[in-house]
Amino acid sequence: MRFLQALHICLKALEVHTKAVVAATSAVEAGELEMDSDDFQRLYSPADVIEKLDALDEVREAIRMLGPDEVDNRADAVLRTVTLRWGAHNYVLNARVSGAEQDIEDSWTNMADTSDETAETLRAFVQAARSVLIEPGS
């Protein structure tokens, strides 16, 4: 299914970006990277991640047209959690800029939570899609 392929590619891009965010925040903490540097600022909107999110959204539209509603709703939930996961990256970066310890801690918790939510919505999507394939017309 094209949606799952696009999702896999998108999640891989997010994983790469997560590693870059972790490395950059560690480098800032160690005094090796300035938050106003181009390398840090580029983390806010990397073209490859945005491109993969846009592609996922585009493929998701095909499910909206084809249905059924249960699969459509599950695909929407997946896209929503992936988008929240992307937003969690910026939350981590903004927390690092603010420097408030509680913001930093909350941002990492949010990143972990959105990762877990993405996995949960993906499982629910796959289950809904399988049920349609096994029982056509349901």
N, C-alpha and C. Protein backbone atom coordinates (compact mmCIF):
# COMPACT_ATOMS: atom_id res chain seq x y z
N MET A 1 0.84 -1.17 0.00
CA MET A 1 0.00 0.00 0.00
C MET A 1 0.89 1.24 0.00
N ARG A 2 0.53 2.18 -0.84
CA ARG A 2 1.34 3.39 -1.00
C ARG A 2 1.43 4.21 0.28
N PHE A 3 0.35 4.22 1.07
CA PHE A 3 0.36 4.98 2.31
C PHE A 3 1.43 4.44 3.26
N LEU A 4 1.51 3.13 3.41
CA LEU A 4 2.50 2.55 4.30
C LEU A 4 3.92 2.79 3.79
N GLN A 5 4.11 2.76 2.47
CA GLN A 5 5.43 3.06 1.92
C GLN A 5 5.82 4.50 2.20
N ALA A 6 4.89 5.42 1.96
CA ALA A 6 5.17 6.84 2.21
C ALA A 6 5.41 7.07 3.70
N LEU A 7 4.65 6.39 4.53
CA LEU A 7 4.83 6.52 5.98
C LEU A 7 6.21 6.02 6.40
N HIS A 8 6.61 4.87 5.88
CA HIS A 8 7.92 4.31 6.21
C HIS A 8 9.04 5.31 5.84
N ILE A 9 8.95 5.87 4.66
CA ILE A 9 9.96 6.84 4.20
C ILE A 9 9.94 8.08 5.09
N CYS A 10 8.76 8.53 5.45
CA CYS A 10 8.62 9.71 6.31
C CYS A 10 9.21 9.44 7.69
N LEU A 11 8.90 8.28 8.25
CA LEU A 11 9.42 7.95 9.59
C LEU A 11 10.93 7.81 9.58
N LYS A 12 11.49 7.29 8.50
CA LYS A 12 12.96 7.20 8.38
C LYS A 12 13.57 8.61 8.39
N ALA A 13 12.96 9.52 7.64
CA ALA A 13 13.45 10.91 7.62
C ALA A 13 13.34 11.54 9.01
N LEU A 14 12.25 11.25 9.71
CA LEU A 14 12.10 11.77 11.07
C LEU A 14 13.13 11.18 12.02
N GLU A 15 13.47 9.90 11.84
CA GLU A 15 14.49 9.28 12.68
C GLU A 15 15.85 9.95 12.48
N VAL A 16 16.17 10.22 11.22
CA VAL A 16 17.43 10.90 10.92
C VAL A 16 17.43 12.28 11.55
N HIS A 17 16.29 12.97 11.43
CA HIS A 17 16.19 14.31 12.00
C HIS A 17 16.25 14.26 13.53
N THR A 18 15.65 13.26 14.13
CA THR A 18 15.71 13.11 15.59
C THR A 18 17.16 13.00 16.03
N LYS A 19 17.93 12.19 15.33
CA LYS A 19 19.35 12.04 15.67
C LYS A 19 20.09 13.36 15.53
N ALA A 20 19.75 14.13 14.51
CA ALA A 20 20.38 15.44 14.31
C ALA A 20 20.01 16.41 15.44
N VAL A 21 18.75 16.37 15.87
CA VAL A 21 18.31 17.23 16.97
C VAL A 21 19.03 16.84 18.26
N VAL A 22 19.12 15.54 18.53
CA VAL A 22 19.82 15.07 19.73
C VAL A 22 21.28 15.51 19.68
N ALA A 23 21.93 15.33 18.55
CA ALA A 23 23.34 15.71 18.43
C ALA A 23 23.52 17.21 18.59
N ALA A 24 22.64 17.98 18.00
CA ALA A 24 22.76 19.44 18.09
C ALA A 24 22.52 19.94 19.51
N THR A 25 21.51 19.39 20.18
CA THR A 25 21.26 19.84 21.55
C THR A 25 22.41 19.44 22.47
N SER A 26 22.99 18.29 22.23
CA SER A 26 24.17 17.87 23.01
C SER A 26 25.34 18.80 22.74
N ALA A 27 25.51 19.17 21.49
CA ALA A 27 26.60 20.07 21.11
C ALA A 27 26.41 21.46 21.72
N VAL A 28 25.16 21.92 21.79
CA VAL A 28 24.88 23.20 22.43
C VAL A 28 25.22 23.12 23.92
N GLU A 29 24.78 22.05 24.57
CA GLU A 29 25.08 21.86 26.00
C GLU A 29 26.58 21.82 26.27
N ALA A 30 27.33 21.24 25.33
CA ALA A 30 28.78 21.12 25.50
C ALA A 30 29.52 22.39 25.07
N GLY A 31 28.78 23.37 24.58
CA GLY A 31 29.41 24.61 24.13
C GLY A 31 30.08 24.50 22.77
N GLU A 32 29.76 23.45 22.03
CA GLU A 32 30.38 23.21 20.73
C GLU A 32 29.57 23.79 19.57
N LEU A 33 28.35 24.23 19.85
CA LEU A 33 27.47 24.74 18.82
C LEU A 33 26.66 25.89 19.39
N GLU A 34 26.56 26.96 18.64
CA GLU A 34 25.77 28.11 19.05
C GLU A 34 24.36 27.97 18.50
N MET A 35 23.37 28.36 19.29
CA MET A 35 21.98 28.23 18.86
C MET A 35 21.63 29.16 17.70
N ASP A 36 22.39 30.23 17.53
CA ASP A 36 22.12 31.13 16.41
C ASP A 36 22.91 30.75 15.15
N SER A 37 23.62 29.63 15.22
CA SER A 37 24.39 29.18 14.04
C SER A 37 23.46 28.63 12.97
N ASP A 38 23.93 28.65 11.76
CA ASP A 38 23.14 28.11 10.64
C ASP A 38 22.84 26.62 10.85
N ASP A 39 23.80 25.87 11.38
CA ASP A 39 23.59 24.43 11.59
C ASP A 39 22.44 24.18 12.55
N PHE A 40 22.34 24.97 13.60
CA PHE A 40 21.23 24.80 14.55
C PHE A 40 19.92 25.28 13.93
N GLN A 41 19.93 26.42 13.30
CA GLN A 41 18.71 27.00 12.73
C GLN A 41 18.12 26.15 11.61
N ARG A 42 18.97 25.48 10.85
CA ARG A 42 18.49 24.61 9.76
C ARG A 42 17.66 23.44 10.27
N LEU A 43 17.82 23.08 11.52
CA LEU A 43 17.07 21.97 12.09
C LEU A 43 15.57 22.27 12.18
N TYR A 44 15.20 23.54 12.14
CA TYR A 44 13.80 23.90 12.26
C TYR A 44 12.96 23.51 11.04
N SER A 45 13.55 23.48 9.87
CA SER A 45 12.74 23.17 8.69
C SER A 45 13.55 22.48 7.60
N PRO A 46 14.03 21.28 7.88
CA PRO A 46 14.81 20.56 6.85
C PRO A 46 13.90 20.15 5.68
N ALA A 47 14.35 20.49 4.51
CA ALA A 47 13.54 20.26 3.30
C ALA A 47 13.18 18.79 3.11
N ASP A 48 14.09 17.87 3.44
CA ASP A 48 13.79 16.45 3.23
C ASP A 48 12.64 15.97 4.10
N VAL A 49 12.58 16.40 5.34
CA VAL A 49 11.49 15.98 6.23
C VAL A 49 10.17 16.58 5.76
N ILE A 50 10.20 17.85 5.42
CA ILE A 50 8.98 18.51 4.96
C ILE A 50 8.48 17.87 3.67
N GLU A 51 9.39 17.53 2.79
CA GLU A 51 9.02 16.86 1.53
C GLU A 51 8.35 15.51 1.81
N LYS A 52 8.90 14.76 2.76
CA LYS A 52 8.32 13.44 3.08
C LYS A 52 6.96 13.57 3.76
N LEU A 53 6.79 14.58 4.61
CA LEU A 53 5.49 14.83 5.24
C LEU A 53 4.45 15.22 4.20
N ASP A 54 4.85 16.06 3.25
CA ASP A 54 3.93 16.46 2.18
C ASP A 54 3.54 15.26 1.33
N ALA A 55 4.50 14.38 1.04
CA ALA A 55 4.20 13.18 0.25
C ALA A 55 3.24 12.26 1.00
N LEU A 56 3.43 12.12 2.30
CA LEU A 56 2.53 11.30 3.11
C LEU A 56 1.12 11.89 3.09
N ASP A 57 1.02 13.18 3.22
CA ASP A 57 -0.28 13.85 3.19
C ASP A 57 -0.97 13.64 1.84
N GLU A 58 -0.20 13.70 0.78
CA GLU A 58 -0.75 13.51 -0.57
C GLU A 58 -1.29 12.09 -0.75
N VAL A 59 -0.54 11.10 -0.31
CA VAL A 59 -0.97 9.71 -0.43
C VAL A 59 -2.18 9.46 0.49
N ARG A 60 -2.19 10.11 1.62
CA ARG A 60 -3.30 9.97 2.55
C ARG A 60 -4.62 10.41 1.90
N GLU A 61 -4.57 11.38 1.01
CA GLU A 61 -5.78 11.85 0.31
C GLU A 61 -6.42 10.74 -0.52
N ALA A 62 -5.62 9.84 -1.05
CA ALA A 62 -6.17 8.71 -1.82
C ALA A 62 -7.03 7.83 -0.93
N ILE A 63 -6.62 7.64 0.30
CA ILE A 63 -7.41 6.83 1.24
C ILE A 63 -8.71 7.54 1.56
N ARG A 64 -8.65 8.86 1.66
CA ARG A 64 -9.86 9.64 1.94
C ARG A 64 -10.90 9.40 0.85
N MET A 65 -10.44 9.31 -0.38
CA MET A 65 -11.36 9.11 -1.51
C MET A 65 -11.86 7.67 -1.59
N LEU A 66 -11.00 6.72 -1.26
CA LEU A 66 -11.34 5.31 -1.44
C LEU A 66 -12.02 4.67 -0.24
N GLY A 67 -11.70 5.16 0.96
CA GLY A 67 -12.31 4.59 2.16
C GLY A 67 -11.83 3.18 2.41
N PRO A 68 -12.57 2.45 3.18
CA PRO A 68 -13.78 2.81 3.91
C PRO A 68 -13.48 3.76 5.06
N ASP A 69 -14.54 4.24 5.73
CA ASP A 69 -14.39 5.26 6.76
C ASP A 69 -13.43 4.85 7.88
N GLU A 70 -13.50 3.61 8.32
CA GLU A 70 -12.63 3.17 9.42
C GLU A 70 -11.16 3.28 9.04
N VAL A 71 -10.82 2.87 7.84
CA VAL A 71 -9.43 2.97 7.37
C VAL A 71 -9.06 4.43 7.19
N ASP A 72 -9.98 5.22 6.65
CA ASP A 72 -9.74 6.65 6.47
C ASP A 72 -9.48 7.32 7.81
N ASN A 73 -10.29 7.01 8.81
CA ASN A 73 -10.11 7.61 10.13
C ASN A 73 -8.77 7.21 10.74
N ARG A 74 -8.39 5.97 10.54
CA ARG A 74 -7.10 5.50 11.09
C ARG A 74 -5.92 6.15 10.36
N ALA A 75 -6.05 6.32 9.06
CA ALA A 75 -4.99 6.99 8.29
C ALA A 75 -4.86 8.44 8.75
N ASP A 76 -5.99 9.09 9.01
CA ASP A 76 -5.98 10.46 9.50
C ASP A 76 -5.27 10.54 10.85
N ALA A 77 -5.54 9.57 11.73
CA ALA A 77 -4.89 9.55 13.04
C ALA A 77 -3.37 9.37 12.90
N VAL A 78 -2.96 8.52 11.96
CA VAL A 78 -1.52 8.33 11.72
C VAL A 78 -0.89 9.63 11.27
N LEU A 79 -1.49 10.28 10.29
CA LEU A 79 -0.94 11.53 9.78
C LEU A 79 -0.88 12.58 10.89
N ARG A 80 -1.91 12.64 11.70
CA ARG A 80 -1.94 13.61 12.80
C ARG A 80 -0.80 13.36 13.79
N THR A 81 -0.57 12.10 14.17
CA THR A 81 0.49 11.82 15.14
C THR A 81 1.87 12.02 14.53
N VAL A 82 2.02 11.72 13.25
CA VAL A 82 3.31 11.97 12.60
C VAL A 82 3.59 13.47 12.57
N THR A 83 2.56 14.26 12.31
CA THR A 83 2.72 15.71 12.31
C THR A 83 3.06 16.22 13.71
N LEU A 84 2.42 15.65 14.72
CA LEU A 84 2.76 16.02 16.10
C LEU A 84 4.19 15.63 16.45
N ARG A 85 4.60 14.48 15.93
CA ARG A 85 5.98 14.04 16.16
C ARG A 85 6.97 15.01 15.54
N TRP A 86 6.66 15.49 14.36
CA TRP A 86 7.49 16.50 13.70
C TRP A 86 7.51 17.78 14.56
N GLY A 87 6.35 18.18 15.06
CA GLY A 87 6.29 19.36 15.91
C GLY A 87 7.09 19.19 17.19
N ALA A 88 7.17 17.96 17.68
CA ALA A 88 7.94 17.70 18.90
C ALA A 88 9.42 18.03 18.71
N HIS A 89 9.91 17.88 17.49
CA HIS A 89 11.31 18.24 17.21
C HIS A 89 11.51 19.73 17.45
N ASN A 90 10.60 20.54 16.93
CA ASN A 90 10.73 21.98 17.13
C ASN A 90 10.55 22.36 18.59
N TYR A 91 9.70 21.62 19.30
CA TYR A 91 9.52 21.87 20.73
C TYR A 91 10.85 21.66 21.46
N VAL A 92 11.58 20.60 21.11
CA VAL A 92 12.89 20.35 21.73
C VAL A 92 13.84 21.50 21.42
N LEU A 93 13.86 21.94 20.17
CA LEU A 93 14.76 23.03 19.78
C LEU A 93 14.39 24.32 20.51
N ASN A 94 13.10 24.62 20.56
CA ASN A 94 12.67 25.84 21.24
C ASN A 94 12.96 25.78 22.74
N ALA A 95 12.81 24.61 23.33
CA ALA A 95 13.11 24.45 24.75
C ALA A 95 14.59 24.69 25.01
N ARG A 96 15.43 24.21 24.11
CA ARG A 96 16.87 24.43 24.26
C ARG A 96 17.17 25.93 24.19
N VAL A 97 16.48 26.62 23.29
CA VAL A 97 16.69 28.07 23.16
C VAL A 97 16.23 28.78 24.43
N SER A 98 15.08 28.36 24.96
CA SER A 98 14.56 29.02 26.17
C SER A 98 15.47 28.77 27.37
N GLY A 99 16.06 27.59 27.41
CA GLY A 99 16.99 27.26 28.48
C GLY A 99 16.33 26.84 29.78
N ALA A 100 15.00 26.90 29.86
CA ALA A 100 14.31 26.51 31.09
C ALA A 100 14.35 25.00 31.24
N GLU A 101 14.87 24.54 32.35
CA GLU A 101 15.06 23.11 32.57
C GLU A 101 13.76 22.32 32.44
N GLN A 102 12.66 22.85 32.98
CA GLN A 102 11.38 22.16 32.89
C GLN A 102 10.91 22.07 31.44
N ASP A 103 11.11 23.14 30.65
CA ASP A 103 10.75 23.10 29.23
C ASP A 103 11.55 22.03 28.50
N ILE A 104 12.82 21.95 28.82
CA ILE A 104 13.68 20.96 28.17
C ILE A 104 13.21 19.55 28.50
N GLU A 105 12.96 19.30 29.78
CA GLU A 105 12.49 17.98 30.21
C GLU A 105 11.14 17.65 29.56
N ASP A 106 10.22 18.60 29.58
CA ASP A 106 8.91 18.39 28.98
C ASP A 106 9.00 18.12 27.48
N SER A 107 9.92 18.79 26.81
CA SER A 107 10.04 18.62 25.36
C SER A 107 10.51 17.22 25.00
N TRP A 108 11.44 16.66 25.79
CA TRP A 108 11.91 15.30 25.51
C TRP A 108 10.82 14.28 25.82
N THR A 109 10.05 14.54 26.88
CA THR A 109 8.92 13.67 27.19
C THR A 109 7.91 13.70 26.06
N ASN A 110 7.65 14.88 25.55
CA ASN A 110 6.72 15.03 24.43
C ASN A 110 7.22 14.28 23.20
N MET A 111 8.51 14.35 22.94
CA MET A 111 9.08 13.65 21.79
C MET A 111 8.86 12.14 21.94
N ALA A 112 9.11 11.61 23.12
CA ALA A 112 8.91 10.17 23.35
C ALA A 112 7.44 9.81 23.24
N ASP A 113 6.57 10.64 23.80
CA ASP A 113 5.13 10.37 23.74
C ASP A 113 4.61 10.35 22.31
N THR A 114 5.05 11.31 21.50
CA THR A 114 4.56 11.35 20.11
C THR A 114 5.10 10.17 19.31
N SER A 115 6.27 9.70 19.66
CA SER A 115 6.81 8.51 19.00
C SER A 115 5.95 7.29 19.34
N ASP A 116 5.58 7.17 20.61
CA ASP A 116 4.72 6.06 21.04
C ASP A 116 3.33 6.16 20.39
N GLU A 117 2.79 7.37 20.33
CA GLU A 117 1.46 7.57 19.73
C GLU A 117 1.48 7.21 18.24
N THR A 118 2.57 7.54 17.57
CA THR A 118 2.70 7.18 16.16
C THR A 118 2.66 5.67 15.99
N ALA A 119 3.38 4.96 16.82
CA ALA A 119 3.38 3.50 16.75
C ALA A 119 1.98 2.94 17.01
N GLU A 120 1.28 3.50 17.98
CA GLU A 120 -0.08 3.03 18.30
C GLU A 120 -1.05 3.28 17.14
N THR A 121 -1.01 4.47 16.57
CA THR A 121 -1.94 4.77 15.47
C THR A 121 -1.60 3.94 14.24
N LEU A 122 -0.33 3.65 14.04
CA LEU A 122 0.06 2.80 12.92
C LEU A 122 -0.49 1.40 13.11
N ARG A 123 -0.38 0.86 14.31
CA ARG A 123 -0.93 -0.47 14.57
C ARG A 123 -2.44 -0.50 14.31
N ALA A 124 -3.14 0.53 14.76
CA ALA A 124 -4.59 0.59 14.55
C ALA A 124 -4.93 0.72 13.07
N PHE A 125 -4.13 1.47 12.33
CA PHE A 125 -4.36 1.59 10.88
C PHE A 125 -4.18 0.24 10.20
N VAL A 126 -3.10 -0.44 10.50
CA VAL A 126 -2.82 -1.74 9.88
C VAL A 126 -3.93 -2.73 10.21
N GLN A 127 -4.39 -2.73 11.44
CA GLN A 127 -5.46 -3.63 11.84
C GLN A 127 -6.75 -3.31 11.05
N ALA A 128 -7.08 -2.05 10.91
CA ALA A 128 -8.28 -1.67 10.15
C ALA A 128 -8.15 -2.05 8.68
N ALA A 129 -6.98 -1.81 8.11
CA ALA A 129 -6.76 -2.15 6.70
C ALA A 129 -6.83 -3.66 6.49
N ARG A 130 -6.26 -4.42 7.41
CA ARG A 130 -6.32 -5.88 7.29
C ARG A 130 -7.75 -6.38 7.36
N SER A 131 -8.54 -5.81 8.24
CA SER A 131 -9.92 -6.27 8.38
C SER A 131 -10.70 -6.03 7.11
N VAL A 132 -10.41 -4.96 6.40
CA VAL A 132 -11.09 -4.70 5.12
C VAL A 132 -10.63 -5.68 4.06
N LEU A 133 -9.34 -5.99 4.08
CA LEU A 133 -8.82 -6.95 3.09
C LEU A 133 -9.35 -8.36 3.35
N ILE A 134 -9.49 -8.72 4.60
CA ILE A 134 -9.97 -10.06 4.96
C ILE A 134 -11.47 -10.18 4.75
N GLU A 135 -12.19 -9.11 5.11
CA GLU A 135 -13.64 -9.13 4.99
C GLU A 135 -14.11 -7.99 4.07
N PRO A 136 -13.90 -8.13 2.76
CA PRO A 136 -14.33 -7.07 1.86
C PRO A 136 -15.83 -6.80 2.02
N GLY A 137 -16.15 -5.52 1.90
CA GLY A 137 -17.55 -5.13 2.02
C GLY A 137 -17.94 -4.80 3.44
N SER A 138 -17.00 -4.90 4.38
CA SER A 138 -17.36 -4.56 5.76
C SER A 138 -17.10 -3.09 6.02
